[in-house]
Amino acid sequence: MTLILATHRGIYSDRKITCDTGDRCDPIRKFAYNEALVAGFAGDLELILESIKLVESGEENPKKIALSGVEGLIVKSGRIYMVELKKTWLRPKREAFYACGTGASQAMAFLAGRGKIRHSDVCAAFRYVARVRDDCGKGMDYTEAP
């Protein structure tokens, strides 16, 4: 259970890991990057770890990353890609941000209606989601896109 949020500048991700039974484990980094892109992943922990390895090995094609079956967001060349169900969708340029994971709806609602999205706005959204959801939080990481 997680929150991943992408802007055209990079990826934000929380660190909390939970499972359907409510068990928790140590917080982890849920993003990876290489010379071409930055990606954040949600969903099954094994798929997240597999996808992180794929990106860190240099994979630059969002469609190949999506084949792992992971849910996530990728920022490449200033564009936001959504990956899910082994498919890839390129988000419209006019969208300043997009989110995925269990906290996505709350984060997008928090940021809706704002003009330009600043780093401080995203930080505030992550704090809000951590307050209203038990399965998101434990800090936030940000990685700028190449």
N, C-alpha and C. Protein backbone atom coordinates (compact mmCIF):
# COMPACT_ATOMS: atom_id res chain seq x y z
N MET A 1 0.86 -1.16 0.00
CA MET A 1 0.00 0.00 0.00
C MET A 1 0.90 1.22 0.00
N THR A 2 0.58 2.16 -0.87
CA THR A 2 1.56 3.22 -1.07
C THR A 2 0.97 4.44 -1.76
N LEU A 3 1.82 5.44 -1.90
CA LEU A 3 1.50 6.62 -2.69
C LEU A 3 2.71 6.97 -3.53
N ILE A 4 2.51 6.99 -4.85
CA ILE A 4 3.50 7.44 -5.81
C ILE A 4 2.89 8.62 -6.55
N LEU A 5 3.62 9.72 -6.67
CA LEU A 5 3.11 10.89 -7.37
C LEU A 5 4.19 11.38 -8.33
N ALA A 6 3.79 11.63 -9.56
CA ALA A 6 4.72 12.11 -10.58
C ALA A 6 4.34 13.50 -11.03
N THR A 7 5.35 14.35 -11.21
CA THR A 7 5.20 15.61 -11.91
C THR A 7 6.11 15.51 -13.14
N HIS A 8 6.09 16.51 -13.97
CA HIS A 8 6.96 16.48 -15.15
C HIS A 8 8.43 16.60 -14.75
N ARG A 9 8.68 16.96 -13.50
CA ARG A 9 10.05 17.14 -13.01
C ARG A 9 10.62 15.91 -12.30
N GLY A 10 9.76 15.00 -11.81
CA GLY A 10 10.28 13.85 -11.09
C GLY A 10 9.21 13.03 -10.39
N ILE A 11 9.67 12.12 -9.51
CA ILE A 11 8.81 11.17 -8.82
C ILE A 11 8.93 11.36 -7.30
N TYR A 12 7.77 11.34 -6.64
CA TYR A 12 7.69 11.35 -5.18
C TYR A 12 7.14 9.99 -4.76
N SER A 13 7.63 9.45 -3.66
CA SER A 13 7.08 8.18 -3.17
C SER A 13 7.16 8.14 -1.65
N ASP A 14 6.17 7.47 -1.06
CA ASP A 14 6.25 7.26 0.39
C ASP A 14 7.11 6.03 0.64
N ARG A 15 7.28 5.66 1.89
CA ARG A 15 8.18 4.55 2.24
C ARG A 15 7.49 3.38 2.93
N LYS A 16 6.24 3.56 3.30
CA LYS A 16 5.56 2.53 4.10
C LYS A 16 5.20 1.31 3.26
N ILE A 17 5.39 0.14 3.85
CA ILE A 17 5.00 -1.13 3.24
C ILE A 17 4.04 -1.82 4.20
N THR A 18 2.87 -2.21 3.70
CA THR A 18 1.91 -2.99 4.49
C THR A 18 1.39 -4.11 3.59
N CYS A 19 0.69 -5.04 4.20
CA CYS A 19 0.07 -6.10 3.40
C CYS A 19 -1.39 -6.19 3.78
N ASP A 20 -2.12 -7.04 3.09
CA ASP A 20 -3.55 -7.16 3.32
C ASP A 20 -3.89 -7.57 4.74
N THR A 21 -2.97 -8.27 5.42
CA THR A 21 -3.23 -8.70 6.79
C THR A 21 -2.90 -7.62 7.80
N GLY A 22 -2.32 -6.50 7.33
CA GLY A 22 -1.97 -5.42 8.24
C GLY A 22 -0.56 -5.50 8.76
N ASP A 23 0.17 -6.58 8.43
CA ASP A 23 1.57 -6.68 8.85
C ASP A 23 2.38 -5.57 8.20
N ARG A 24 3.42 -5.14 8.90
CA ARG A 24 4.28 -4.09 8.37
C ARG A 24 5.72 -4.56 8.35
N CYS A 25 6.49 -3.96 7.48
CA CYS A 25 7.92 -4.26 7.45
C CYS A 25 8.68 -2.94 7.42
N ASP A 26 9.98 -3.01 7.41
CA ASP A 26 10.79 -1.80 7.40
C ASP A 26 10.47 -0.97 6.17
N PRO A 27 10.49 0.36 6.30
CA PRO A 27 10.25 1.23 5.14
C PRO A 27 11.29 0.98 4.05
N ILE A 28 10.88 1.11 2.80
CA ILE A 28 11.81 0.91 1.68
C ILE A 28 11.68 2.06 0.68
N ARG A 29 12.65 2.15 -0.18
CA ARG A 29 12.65 3.09 -1.30
C ARG A 29 11.88 2.42 -2.43
N LYS A 30 10.87 3.12 -2.96
CA LYS A 30 9.99 2.53 -3.97
C LYS A 30 10.20 3.15 -5.36
N PHE A 31 11.36 3.69 -5.60
CA PHE A 31 11.64 4.30 -6.88
C PHE A 31 13.02 3.87 -7.38
N ALA A 32 13.24 4.09 -8.65
CA ALA A 32 14.54 3.80 -9.26
C ALA A 32 14.74 4.77 -10.42
N TYR A 33 15.97 4.92 -10.83
CA TYR A 33 16.26 5.82 -11.94
C TYR A 33 17.47 5.32 -12.70
N ASN A 34 17.58 5.81 -13.92
CA ASN A 34 18.77 5.57 -14.74
C ASN A 34 19.00 6.83 -15.57
N GLU A 35 19.83 6.76 -16.59
CA GLU A 35 20.16 7.95 -17.37
C GLU A 35 18.98 8.49 -18.17
N ALA A 36 17.95 7.68 -18.40
CA ALA A 36 16.84 8.09 -19.26
C ALA A 36 15.55 8.43 -18.52
N LEU A 37 15.34 7.83 -17.33
CA LEU A 37 14.05 7.99 -16.68
C LEU A 37 14.14 7.80 -15.17
N VAL A 38 13.05 8.19 -14.50
CA VAL A 38 12.87 7.88 -13.09
C VAL A 38 11.49 7.24 -12.97
N ALA A 39 11.37 6.23 -12.09
CA ALA A 39 10.11 5.49 -11.95
C ALA A 39 9.82 5.21 -10.49
N GLY A 40 8.55 5.25 -10.13
CA GLY A 40 8.09 4.89 -8.79
C GLY A 40 7.06 3.79 -8.91
N PHE A 41 7.08 2.85 -7.96
CA PHE A 41 6.25 1.66 -8.09
C PHE A 41 5.39 1.41 -6.86
N ALA A 42 4.21 0.82 -7.10
CA ALA A 42 3.26 0.48 -6.05
C ALA A 42 2.81 -0.96 -6.27
N GLY A 43 2.12 -1.50 -5.27
CA GLY A 43 1.56 -2.84 -5.42
C GLY A 43 2.38 -3.91 -4.74
N ASP A 44 2.45 -5.06 -5.36
CA ASP A 44 3.12 -6.23 -4.82
C ASP A 44 4.61 -5.96 -4.62
N LEU A 45 5.11 -6.27 -3.42
CA LEU A 45 6.50 -5.97 -3.08
C LEU A 45 7.48 -6.68 -4.01
N GLU A 46 7.22 -7.93 -4.36
CA GLU A 46 8.13 -8.64 -5.27
C GLU A 46 8.20 -7.97 -6.63
N LEU A 47 7.05 -7.51 -7.13
CA LEU A 47 7.03 -6.81 -8.42
C LEU A 47 7.75 -5.47 -8.33
N ILE A 48 7.59 -4.78 -7.21
CA ILE A 48 8.29 -3.51 -7.00
C ILE A 48 9.79 -3.74 -7.06
N LEU A 49 10.28 -4.72 -6.31
CA LEU A 49 11.72 -4.99 -6.28
C LEU A 49 12.24 -5.43 -7.64
N GLU A 50 11.48 -6.25 -8.34
CA GLU A 50 11.86 -6.69 -9.69
C GLU A 50 11.95 -5.49 -10.64
N SER A 51 10.99 -4.59 -10.55
CA SER A 51 10.96 -3.42 -11.42
C SER A 51 12.08 -2.44 -11.11
N ILE A 52 12.39 -2.29 -9.83
CA ILE A 52 13.52 -1.44 -9.44
C ILE A 52 14.81 -1.98 -10.06
N LYS A 53 15.03 -3.29 -9.98
CA LYS A 53 16.23 -3.89 -10.59
C LYS A 53 16.26 -3.66 -12.10
N LEU A 54 15.12 -3.77 -12.74
CA LEU A 54 15.04 -3.58 -14.18
C LEU A 54 15.45 -2.16 -14.57
N VAL A 55 14.92 -1.18 -13.87
CA VAL A 55 15.27 0.22 -14.16
C VAL A 55 16.74 0.48 -13.85
N GLU A 56 17.21 -0.01 -12.71
CA GLU A 56 18.60 0.22 -12.34
C GLU A 56 19.58 -0.47 -13.28
N SER A 57 19.13 -1.51 -13.98
CA SER A 57 19.99 -2.19 -14.96
C SER A 57 20.08 -1.40 -16.26
N GLY A 58 19.27 -0.33 -16.39
CA GLY A 58 19.37 0.53 -17.57
C GLY A 58 18.19 0.49 -18.52
N GLU A 59 17.14 -0.26 -18.19
CA GLU A 59 15.97 -0.33 -19.09
C GLU A 59 15.37 1.06 -19.26
N GLU A 60 15.19 1.47 -20.52
CA GLU A 60 14.69 2.81 -20.84
C GLU A 60 13.30 2.81 -21.45
N ASN A 61 12.75 1.65 -21.74
CA ASN A 61 11.46 1.54 -22.42
C ASN A 61 10.34 1.30 -21.40
N PRO A 62 9.45 2.28 -21.20
CA PRO A 62 8.35 2.09 -20.25
C PRO A 62 7.50 0.85 -20.53
N LYS A 63 7.34 0.48 -21.81
CA LYS A 63 6.54 -0.70 -22.15
C LYS A 63 7.19 -1.98 -21.63
N LYS A 64 8.49 -2.05 -21.68
CA LYS A 64 9.19 -3.24 -21.16
C LYS A 64 9.12 -3.29 -19.64
N ILE A 65 9.17 -2.14 -18.99
CA ILE A 65 9.04 -2.09 -17.53
C ILE A 65 7.64 -2.54 -17.13
N ALA A 66 6.64 -2.13 -17.88
CA ALA A 66 5.24 -2.49 -17.59
C ALA A 66 5.01 -3.99 -17.65
N LEU A 67 5.77 -4.70 -18.46
CA LEU A 67 5.58 -6.14 -18.62
C LEU A 67 5.81 -6.92 -17.33
N SER A 68 6.46 -6.31 -16.34
CA SER A 68 6.66 -6.98 -15.05
C SER A 68 5.33 -7.13 -14.31
N GLY A 69 4.31 -6.35 -14.71
CA GLY A 69 3.01 -6.41 -14.05
C GLY A 69 2.86 -5.44 -12.89
N VAL A 70 3.86 -4.63 -12.66
CA VAL A 70 3.84 -3.67 -11.55
C VAL A 70 2.92 -2.50 -11.88
N GLU A 71 2.46 -1.83 -10.84
CA GLU A 71 1.73 -0.57 -11.00
C GLU A 71 2.73 0.54 -10.70
N GLY A 72 2.72 1.60 -11.50
CA GLY A 72 3.66 2.67 -11.21
C GLY A 72 3.56 3.83 -12.16
N LEU A 73 4.47 4.79 -11.94
CA LEU A 73 4.57 5.98 -12.77
C LEU A 73 6.01 6.15 -13.20
N ILE A 74 6.19 6.61 -14.43
CA ILE A 74 7.52 6.82 -14.99
C ILE A 74 7.56 8.23 -15.56
N VAL A 75 8.65 8.94 -15.32
CA VAL A 75 8.87 10.24 -15.94
C VAL A 75 10.07 10.09 -16.86
N LYS A 76 9.81 10.34 -18.14
CA LYS A 76 10.86 10.23 -19.16
C LYS A 76 10.69 11.39 -20.13
N SER A 77 11.75 12.13 -20.35
CA SER A 77 11.74 13.28 -21.27
C SER A 77 10.61 14.26 -20.93
N GLY A 78 10.39 14.48 -19.63
CA GLY A 78 9.38 15.43 -19.19
C GLY A 78 7.94 14.97 -19.34
N ARG A 79 7.72 13.72 -19.69
CA ARG A 79 6.37 13.18 -19.84
C ARG A 79 6.11 12.12 -18.77
N ILE A 80 4.85 12.01 -18.34
CA ILE A 80 4.45 11.06 -17.31
C ILE A 80 3.79 9.86 -17.98
N TYR A 81 4.30 8.68 -17.68
CA TYR A 81 3.73 7.42 -18.14
C TYR A 81 3.14 6.68 -16.95
N MET A 82 1.98 6.09 -17.14
CA MET A 82 1.38 5.24 -16.12
C MET A 82 1.54 3.80 -16.59
N VAL A 83 2.02 2.92 -15.71
CA VAL A 83 2.13 1.50 -16.04
C VAL A 83 1.25 0.70 -15.09
N GLU A 84 0.49 -0.21 -15.66
CA GLU A 84 -0.41 -1.05 -14.86
C GLU A 84 -0.94 -2.15 -15.77
N LEU A 85 -1.16 -3.33 -15.19
CA LEU A 85 -1.74 -4.45 -15.93
C LEU A 85 -0.94 -4.79 -17.19
N LYS A 86 0.38 -4.63 -17.09
CA LYS A 86 1.31 -4.91 -18.19
C LYS A 86 1.11 -4.00 -19.39
N LYS A 87 0.49 -2.84 -19.17
CA LYS A 87 0.25 -1.86 -20.22
C LYS A 87 0.85 -0.51 -19.80
N THR A 88 1.01 0.37 -20.79
CA THR A 88 1.57 1.70 -20.56
C THR A 88 0.65 2.75 -21.17
N TRP A 89 0.40 3.82 -20.42
CA TRP A 89 -0.38 4.95 -20.90
C TRP A 89 0.42 6.21 -20.73
N LEU A 90 0.50 7.02 -21.77
CA LEU A 90 1.16 8.31 -21.71
C LEU A 90 0.13 9.33 -21.28
N ARG A 91 0.39 9.99 -20.17
CA ARG A 91 -0.55 10.99 -19.64
C ARG A 91 -0.49 12.25 -20.51
N PRO A 92 -1.59 12.97 -20.64
CA PRO A 92 -1.59 14.22 -21.44
C PRO A 92 -0.59 15.25 -20.88
N LYS A 93 0.04 15.99 -21.78
CA LYS A 93 1.02 17.01 -21.37
C LYS A 93 0.42 18.05 -20.44
N ARG A 94 -0.85 18.36 -20.61
CA ARG A 94 -1.49 19.41 -19.81
C ARG A 94 -1.65 19.03 -18.34
N GLU A 95 -1.56 17.74 -18.01
CA GLU A 95 -1.69 17.30 -16.62
C GLU A 95 -0.37 17.55 -15.90
N ALA A 96 -0.42 18.35 -14.84
CA ALA A 96 0.79 18.73 -14.10
C ALA A 96 1.29 17.60 -13.21
N PHE A 97 0.41 16.66 -12.86
CA PHE A 97 0.79 15.57 -11.98
C PHE A 97 -0.15 14.40 -12.16
N TYR A 98 0.25 13.25 -11.65
CA TYR A 98 -0.61 12.09 -11.59
C TYR A 98 -0.13 11.23 -10.43
N ALA A 99 -1.01 10.44 -9.84
CA ALA A 99 -0.65 9.61 -8.69
C ALA A 99 -1.19 8.21 -8.86
N CYS A 100 -0.56 7.26 -8.18
CA CYS A 100 -1.06 5.88 -8.15
C CYS A 100 -0.80 5.31 -6.75
N GLY A 101 -1.41 4.17 -6.49
CA GLY A 101 -1.31 3.55 -5.17
C GLY A 101 -2.57 3.82 -4.37
N THR A 102 -2.63 3.27 -3.18
CA THR A 102 -3.85 3.39 -2.37
C THR A 102 -4.14 4.81 -1.93
N GLY A 103 -3.14 5.65 -1.84
CA GLY A 103 -3.33 7.04 -1.42
C GLY A 103 -3.50 8.01 -2.57
N ALA A 104 -3.58 7.51 -3.79
CA ALA A 104 -3.62 8.38 -4.97
C ALA A 104 -4.83 9.31 -5.00
N SER A 105 -6.00 8.79 -4.70
CA SER A 105 -7.22 9.61 -4.77
C SER A 105 -7.14 10.79 -3.83
N GLN A 106 -6.69 10.54 -2.61
CA GLN A 106 -6.59 11.62 -1.62
C GLN A 106 -5.55 12.66 -2.04
N ALA A 107 -4.41 12.21 -2.56
CA ALA A 107 -3.36 13.15 -2.97
C ALA A 107 -3.81 14.00 -4.15
N MET A 108 -4.45 13.37 -5.13
CA MET A 108 -4.89 14.13 -6.30
C MET A 108 -6.00 15.11 -5.92
N ALA A 109 -6.89 14.71 -5.01
CA ALA A 109 -7.93 15.63 -4.55
C ALA A 109 -7.31 16.81 -3.80
N PHE A 110 -6.31 16.54 -2.97
CA PHE A 110 -5.64 17.59 -2.22
C PHE A 110 -5.00 18.61 -3.17
N LEU A 111 -4.43 18.15 -4.27
CA LEU A 111 -3.72 19.04 -5.20
C LEU A 111 -4.62 19.63 -6.30
N ALA A 112 -5.83 19.10 -6.44
CA ALA A 112 -6.73 19.55 -7.50
C ALA A 112 -7.01 21.04 -7.38
N GLY A 113 -7.09 21.71 -8.51
CA GLY A 113 -7.45 23.12 -8.53
C GLY A 113 -6.29 24.07 -8.30
N ARG A 114 -5.13 23.53 -7.97
CA ARG A 114 -3.97 24.41 -7.82
C ARG A 114 -3.42 24.69 -9.20
N GLY A 115 -2.82 25.81 -9.34
CA GLY A 115 -2.20 26.15 -10.62
C GLY A 115 -0.92 25.34 -10.78
N LYS A 116 0.17 26.01 -10.72
CA LYS A 116 1.47 25.34 -10.81
C LYS A 116 1.72 24.56 -9.52
N ILE A 117 2.12 23.32 -9.65
CA ILE A 117 2.37 22.47 -8.48
C ILE A 117 3.82 22.66 -8.05
N ARG A 118 3.99 23.12 -6.81
CA ARG A 118 5.33 23.32 -6.24
C ARG A 118 5.69 22.13 -5.36
N HIS A 119 6.98 21.99 -5.11
CA HIS A 119 7.48 20.93 -4.23
C HIS A 119 6.78 20.99 -2.87
N SER A 120 6.60 22.17 -2.33
CA SER A 120 5.94 22.32 -1.02
C SER A 120 4.49 21.84 -1.06
N ASP A 121 3.82 22.00 -2.19
CA ASP A 121 2.43 21.51 -2.33
C ASP A 121 2.40 19.98 -2.25
N VAL A 122 3.34 19.34 -2.95
CA VAL A 122 3.39 17.88 -2.94
C VAL A 122 3.74 17.37 -1.54
N CYS A 123 4.67 18.03 -0.86
CA CYS A 123 5.01 17.64 0.52
C CYS A 123 3.78 17.73 1.42
N ALA A 124 3.01 18.79 1.26
CA ALA A 124 1.79 18.95 2.06
C ALA A 124 0.78 17.85 1.73
N ALA A 125 0.67 17.47 0.46
CA ALA A 125 -0.24 16.39 0.06
C ALA A 125 0.17 15.07 0.71
N PHE A 126 1.47 14.78 0.73
CA PHE A 126 1.95 13.54 1.35
C PHE A 126 1.67 13.54 2.86
N ARG A 127 1.86 14.68 3.52
CA ARG A 127 1.54 14.75 4.96
C ARG A 127 0.04 14.52 5.19
N TYR A 128 -0.79 15.12 4.34
CA TYR A 128 -2.23 14.94 4.45
C TYR A 128 -2.61 13.47 4.29
N VAL A 129 -2.11 12.83 3.25
CA VAL A 129 -2.45 11.42 3.00
C VAL A 129 -1.99 10.54 4.16
N ALA A 130 -0.81 10.80 4.71
CA ALA A 130 -0.32 10.02 5.85
C ALA A 130 -1.24 10.18 7.07
N ARG A 131 -1.88 11.35 7.20
CA ARG A 131 -2.81 11.57 8.32
C ARG A 131 -4.13 10.83 8.13
N VAL A 132 -4.62 10.74 6.88
CA VAL A 132 -5.94 10.18 6.65
C VAL A 132 -5.93 8.71 6.28
N ARG A 133 -4.75 8.16 5.96
CA ARG A 133 -4.65 6.74 5.60
C ARG A 133 -3.60 6.08 6.47
N ASP A 134 -3.94 4.91 6.96
CA ASP A 134 -3.00 4.16 7.80
C ASP A 134 -1.95 3.41 6.97
N ASP A 135 -2.20 3.23 5.69
CA ASP A 135 -1.31 2.42 4.86
C ASP A 135 -0.34 3.25 4.01
N CYS A 136 -0.25 4.54 4.25
CA CYS A 136 0.68 5.41 3.51
C CYS A 136 1.48 6.24 4.51
N GLY A 137 2.69 6.57 4.15
CA GLY A 137 3.49 7.44 5.01
C GLY A 137 4.90 6.95 5.23
N LYS A 138 5.42 7.14 6.44
CA LYS A 138 6.79 6.80 6.83
C LYS A 138 7.81 7.62 6.05
N GLY A 139 7.48 8.87 5.79
CA GLY A 139 8.41 9.74 5.07
C GLY A 139 8.15 9.75 3.58
N MET A 140 8.95 10.53 2.89
CA MET A 140 8.77 10.72 1.47
C MET A 140 10.13 10.85 0.80
N ASP A 141 10.24 10.28 -0.38
CA ASP A 141 11.45 10.43 -1.20
C ASP A 141 11.08 11.18 -2.47
N TYR A 142 12.04 11.97 -2.97
CA TYR A 142 11.84 12.65 -4.25
C TYR A 142 13.09 12.42 -5.09
N THR A 143 12.86 12.10 -6.36
CA THR A 143 13.95 11.94 -7.30
C THR A 143 13.63 12.71 -8.56
N GLU A 144 14.51 13.61 -8.93
CA GLU A 144 14.33 14.41 -10.13
C GLU A 144 14.57 13.55 -11.36
N ALA A 145 13.79 13.81 -12.39
CA ALA A 145 13.96 13.08 -13.64
C ALA A 145 15.20 13.56 -14.37
N PRO A 146 15.87 12.68 -15.10
CA PRO A 146 17.06 13.09 -15.86
C PRO A 146 16.71 14.07 -16.97
